[in-house]
Amino acid sequence: MDSACCVCGDKENLTRHHLQPRATRPRGTHSPMTDLCGPCHTFAHRRWTNRELATLAPTAEALHDLVLAQMEQEKYQSPPEL
């Protein structure tokens, strides 16, 4: 199965996003991760802190909904260019 951005479905420029940042989890534990393309990852981190993202979007599905809703609110039709 090919990986794709959990927000826009792009299969290029993928990065890994920690759904629970290191600062919010016990030392030595691992965080669930999801794939995001570079533009969606940048979009998310420019709008919310790691702690806010962990609270607002603890799952890939919640992250998808949060980022798309914000893009819609900001009138983006597709992820912004880097």
C-alpha atoms as a PDB file:
ATOM      1  CA  MET A   1       0.000   0.000   0.000  1.00  0.00           C
ATOM      2  CA  ASP A   2       1.377   3.397  -1.006  1.00  0.00           C
ATOM      3  CA  SER A   3       1.591   6.130   1.582  1.00  0.00           C
ATOM      4  CA  ALA A   4      -0.253   9.369   0.959  1.00  0.00           C
ATOM      5  CA  CYS A   5      -0.834  12.655   2.753  1.00  0.00           C
ATOM      6  CA  CYS A   6      -3.662  12.176   5.251  1.00  0.00           C
ATOM      7  CA  VAL A   7      -5.021  15.628   4.350  1.00  0.00           C
ATOM      8  CA  CYS A   8      -4.835  16.005   0.565  1.00  0.00           C
ATOM      9  CA  GLY A   9      -3.895  12.504  -0.622  1.00  0.00           C
ATOM     10  CA  ASP A  10      -0.683  13.635  -2.378  1.00  0.00           C
ATOM     11  CA  LYS A  11       1.910  10.881  -2.676  1.00  0.00           C
ATOM     12  CA  GLU A  12       4.886  13.204  -3.259  1.00  0.00           C
ATOM     13  CA  ASN A  13       6.995  15.171  -0.780  1.00  0.00           C
ATOM     14  CA  LEU A  14       5.804  13.089   2.188  1.00  0.00           C
ATOM     15  CA  THR A  15       6.923  13.795   5.749  1.00  0.00           C
ATOM     16  CA  ARG A  16       6.057  12.047   9.014  1.00  0.00           C
ATOM     17  CA  HIS A  17       3.953  13.910  11.562  1.00  0.00           C
ATOM     18  CA  HIS A  18       3.926  12.917  15.251  1.00  0.00           C
ATOM     19  CA  LEU A  19       0.331  12.978  16.441  1.00  0.00           C
ATOM     20  CA  GLN A  20       1.596  13.362  20.006  1.00  0.00           C
ATOM     21  CA  PRO A  21       4.713  15.567  20.318  1.00  0.00           C
ATOM     22  CA  ARG A  22       7.610  14.507  22.522  1.00  0.00           C
ATOM     23  CA  ALA A  23       6.892  17.282  25.011  1.00  0.00           C
ATOM     24  CA  THR A  24       3.422  15.876  25.767  1.00  0.00           C
ATOM     25  CA  ARG A  25       4.195  12.166  26.177  1.00  0.00           C
ATOM     26  CA  PRO A  26       6.128  10.181  28.776  1.00  0.00           C
ATOM     27  CA  ARG A  27       9.857   9.912  28.144  1.00  0.00           C
ATOM     28  CA  GLY A  28      10.815   6.860  26.092  1.00  0.00           C
ATOM     29  CA  THR A  29       7.354   6.312  24.621  1.00  0.00           C
ATOM     30  CA  HIS A  30       6.549   6.442  20.936  1.00  0.00           C
ATOM     31  CA  SER A  31       3.941   8.559  19.240  1.00  0.00           C
ATOM     32  CA  PRO A  32       1.549   7.413  16.567  1.00  0.00           C
ATOM     33  CA  MET A  33       2.516   9.020  13.279  1.00  0.00           C
ATOM     34  CA  THR A  34       0.859   9.874  10.003  1.00  0.00           C
ATOM     35  CA  ASP A  35       2.064  11.011   6.594  1.00  0.00           C
ATOM     36  CA  LEU A  36       1.669  14.616   5.474  1.00  0.00           C
ATOM     37  CA  CYS A  37       2.960  16.222   2.308  1.00  0.00           C
ATOM     38  CA  GLY A  38       5.338  19.128   2.851  1.00  0.00           C
ATOM     39  CA  PRO A  39       2.755  21.849   2.102  1.00  0.00           C
ATOM     40  CA  CYS A  40       0.089  20.368   4.421  1.00  0.00           C
ATOM     41  CA  HIS A  41       2.656  19.795   7.189  1.00  0.00           C
ATOM     42  CA  THR A  42       3.862  23.398   6.897  1.00  0.00           C
ATOM     43  CA  PHE A  43       0.281  24.668   6.808  1.00  0.00           C
ATOM     44  CA  ALA A  44      -0.587  22.825  10.043  1.00  0.00           C
ATOM     45  CA  HIS A  45       2.507  23.893  11.963  1.00  0.00           C
ATOM     46  CA  ARG A  46       2.185  27.530  10.919  1.00  0.00           C
ATOM     47  CA  ARG A  47      -1.312  27.672  12.400  1.00  0.00           C
ATOM     48  CA  TRP A  48      -1.109  25.543  15.539  1.00  0.00           C
ATOM     49  CA  THR A  49       1.530  24.689  18.119  1.00  0.00           C
ATOM     50  CA  ASN A  50       2.503  21.055  18.694  1.00  0.00           C
ATOM     51  CA  ARG A  51       0.428  20.997  21.876  1.00  0.00           C
ATOM     52  CA  GLU A  52      -2.608  22.459  20.091  1.00  0.00           C
ATOM     53  CA  LEU A  53      -2.297  19.891  17.303  1.00  0.00           C
ATOM     54  CA  ALA A  54      -2.024  17.054  19.836  1.00  0.00           C
ATOM     55  CA  THR A  55      -5.214  18.251  21.546  1.00  0.00           C
ATOM     56  CA  LEU A  56      -7.226  19.234  18.467  1.00  0.00           C
ATOM     57  CA  ALA A  57      -6.072  16.422  16.170  1.00  0.00           C
ATOM     58  CA  PRO A  58      -4.974  13.300  18.078  1.00  0.00           C
ATOM     59  CA  THR A  59      -5.721  11.033  15.088  1.00  0.00           C
ATOM     60  CA  ALA A  60      -5.008  11.190  11.357  1.00  0.00           C
ATOM     61  CA  GLU A  61      -8.737  11.563  10.695  1.00  0.00           C
ATOM     62  CA  ALA A  62      -9.023  14.489  13.116  1.00  0.00           C
ATOM     63  CA  LEU A  63      -5.929  16.120  11.580  1.00  0.00           C
ATOM     64  CA  HIS A  64      -7.462  15.733   8.117  1.00  0.00           C
ATOM     65  CA  ASP A  65     -10.692  17.407   9.238  1.00  0.00           C
ATOM     66  CA  LEU A  66      -8.925  20.198  11.161  1.00  0.00           C
ATOM     67  CA  VAL A  67      -6.543  21.171   8.356  1.00  0.00           C
ATOM     68  CA  LEU A  68      -9.175  20.979   5.614  1.00  0.00           C
ATOM     69  CA  ALA A  69     -11.597  23.089   7.655  1.00  0.00           C
ATOM     70  CA  GLN A  70      -8.901  25.717   8.187  1.00  0.00           C
ATOM     71  CA  MET A  71      -7.966  25.677   4.497  1.00  0.00           C
ATOM     72  CA  GLU A  72     -11.630  26.135   3.640  1.00  0.00           C
ATOM     73  CA  GLN A  73     -11.926  28.994   6.100  1.00  0.00           C
ATOM     74  CA  GLU A  74      -8.872  30.635   4.562  1.00  0.00           C
ATOM     75  CA  LYS A  75     -10.300  29.954   1.104  1.00  0.00           C
ATOM     76  CA  TYR A  76      -7.582  27.560  -0.057  1.00  0.00           C
ATOM     77  CA  GLN A  77      -8.625  25.188  -2.790  1.00  0.00           C
ATOM     78  CA  SER A  78      -5.435  23.114  -2.474  1.00  0.00           C
ATOM     79  CA  PRO A  79      -2.427  23.001  -0.165  1.00  0.00           C
ATOM     80  CA  PRO A  80      -0.278  26.159  -0.291  1.00  0.00           C
ATOM     81  CA  GLU A  81       3.011  26.176  -2.159  1.00  0.00           C
ATOM     82  CA  LEU A  82       6.191  26.067  -0.087  1.00  0.00           C
END
